[in-house]
Amino acid sequence: KNIFWQVSGEATFGATSHFEGIILSMTAITFQTGASFNGRALAQTAVVLDGNVIVEK
């Protein structure tokens, strides 16, 4: 049920992409315009959102 993704660098989600789970990033997490996300985004530097839908259930 709880899926964790660990990234050693930056994670970028492209426009209109969809992600589910919990992402842990060493640096930044970027969601480009229109990307959707169901879960949590945890980064040591920044989480960048640009017109996104984020849900935590």
C-alpha atoms as a PDB file:
ATOM      1  CA  LYS A   1       0.000   0.000   0.000  1.00  0.00           C
ATOM      2  CA  ASN A   2       2.768   2.484   0.859  1.00  0.00           C
ATOM      3  CA  ILE A   3       5.211   2.713  -2.038  1.00  0.00           C
ATOM      4  CA  PHE A   4       8.419   4.693  -1.394  1.00  0.00           C
ATOM      5  CA  TRP A   5      10.637   6.041  -4.193  1.00  0.00           C
ATOM      6  CA  GLN A   6      14.112   7.234  -3.186  1.00  0.00           C
ATOM      7  CA  VAL A   7      16.001   9.488  -5.611  1.00  0.00           C
ATOM      8  CA  SER A   8      19.662  10.422  -5.137  1.00  0.00           C
ATOM      9  CA  GLY A   9      19.342  13.602  -7.236  1.00  0.00           C
ATOM     10  CA  GLU A  10      16.550  15.758  -8.613  1.00  0.00           C
ATOM     11  CA  ALA A  11      13.194  14.266  -9.634  1.00  0.00           C
ATOM     12  CA  THR A  12      11.183  15.918 -12.423  1.00  0.00           C
ATOM     13  CA  PHE A  13       7.660  14.930 -13.445  1.00  0.00           C
ATOM     14  CA  GLY A  14       6.752  16.003 -16.973  1.00  0.00           C
ATOM     15  CA  ALA A  15       3.652  17.883 -18.074  1.00  0.00           C
ATOM     16  CA  THR A  16       0.455  15.835 -17.715  1.00  0.00           C
ATOM     17  CA  SER A  17       2.277  12.947 -15.977  1.00  0.00           C
ATOM     18  CA  HIS A  18       0.743  11.171 -12.964  1.00  0.00           C
ATOM     19  CA  PHE A  19       2.610   9.777  -9.941  1.00  0.00           C
ATOM     20  CA  GLU A  20       1.415   7.761  -6.935  1.00  0.00           C
ATOM     21  CA  GLY A  21       3.401   7.018  -3.789  1.00  0.00           C
ATOM     22  CA  ILE A  22       5.886   8.752  -1.526  1.00  0.00           C
ATOM     23  CA  ILE A  23       8.959  10.270  -3.162  1.00  0.00           C
ATOM     24  CA  LEU A  24      12.100  11.156  -1.191  1.00  0.00           C
ATOM     25  CA  SER A  25      14.649  13.322  -3.005  1.00  0.00           C
ATOM     26  CA  MET A  26      18.189  14.353  -2.074  1.00  0.00           C
ATOM     27  CA  THR A  27      17.659  17.696  -3.833  1.00  0.00           C
ATOM     28  CA  ALA A  28      14.548  19.068  -5.579  1.00  0.00           C
ATOM     29  CA  ILE A  29      11.268  17.625  -6.834  1.00  0.00           C
ATOM     30  CA  THR A  30       9.652  19.452  -9.764  1.00  0.00           C
ATOM     31  CA  PHE A  31       6.123  18.921 -11.066  1.00  0.00           C
ATOM     32  CA  GLN A  32       5.690  20.569 -14.457  1.00  0.00           C
ATOM     33  CA  THR A  33       2.391  22.156 -15.518  1.00  0.00           C
ATOM     34  CA  GLY A  34      -0.504  19.713 -15.459  1.00  0.00           C
ATOM     35  CA  ALA A  35       1.277  16.885 -13.613  1.00  0.00           C
ATOM     36  CA  SER A  36      -0.850  15.172 -10.955  1.00  0.00           C
ATOM     37  CA  PHE A  37       0.282  13.439  -7.805  1.00  0.00           C
ATOM     38  CA  ASN A  38      -1.310  11.181  -5.185  1.00  0.00           C
ATOM     39  CA  GLY A  39       0.912  10.858  -2.121  1.00  0.00           C
ATOM     40  CA  ARG A  40       3.755  12.828  -0.555  1.00  0.00           C
ATOM     41  CA  ALA A  41       6.776  14.671  -1.942  1.00  0.00           C
ATOM     42  CA  LEU A  42       9.675  15.157   0.489  1.00  0.00           C
ATOM     43  CA  ALA A  43      12.859  16.936  -0.639  1.00  0.00           C
ATOM     44  CA  GLN A  44      15.891  18.383   1.154  1.00  0.00           C
ATOM     45  CA  THR A  45      15.894  21.606  -0.901  1.00  0.00           C
ATOM     46  CA  ALA A  46      12.594  22.341  -2.691  1.00  0.00           C
ATOM     47  CA  VAL A  47       9.333  21.012  -4.096  1.00  0.00           C
ATOM     48  CA  VAL A  48       8.305  23.056  -7.147  1.00  0.00           C
ATOM     49  CA  LEU A  49       4.637  23.069  -8.226  1.00  0.00           C
ATOM     50  CA  ASP A  50       3.235  24.736 -11.345  1.00  0.00           C
ATOM     51  CA  GLY A  51      -0.526  24.278 -11.826  1.00  0.00           C
ATOM     52  CA  ASN A  52      -0.710  20.775 -10.344  1.00  0.00           C
ATOM     53  CA  VAL A  53      -3.250  18.530  -8.621  1.00  0.00           C
ATOM     54  CA  ILE A  54      -1.952  16.867  -5.449  1.00  0.00           C
ATOM     55  CA  VAL A  55      -4.007  14.469  -3.317  1.00  0.00           C
ATOM     56  CA  GLU A  56      -3.105  12.581  -0.158  1.00  0.00           C
ATOM     57  CA  LYS A  57      -5.559   9.856   0.787  1.00  0.00           C
END
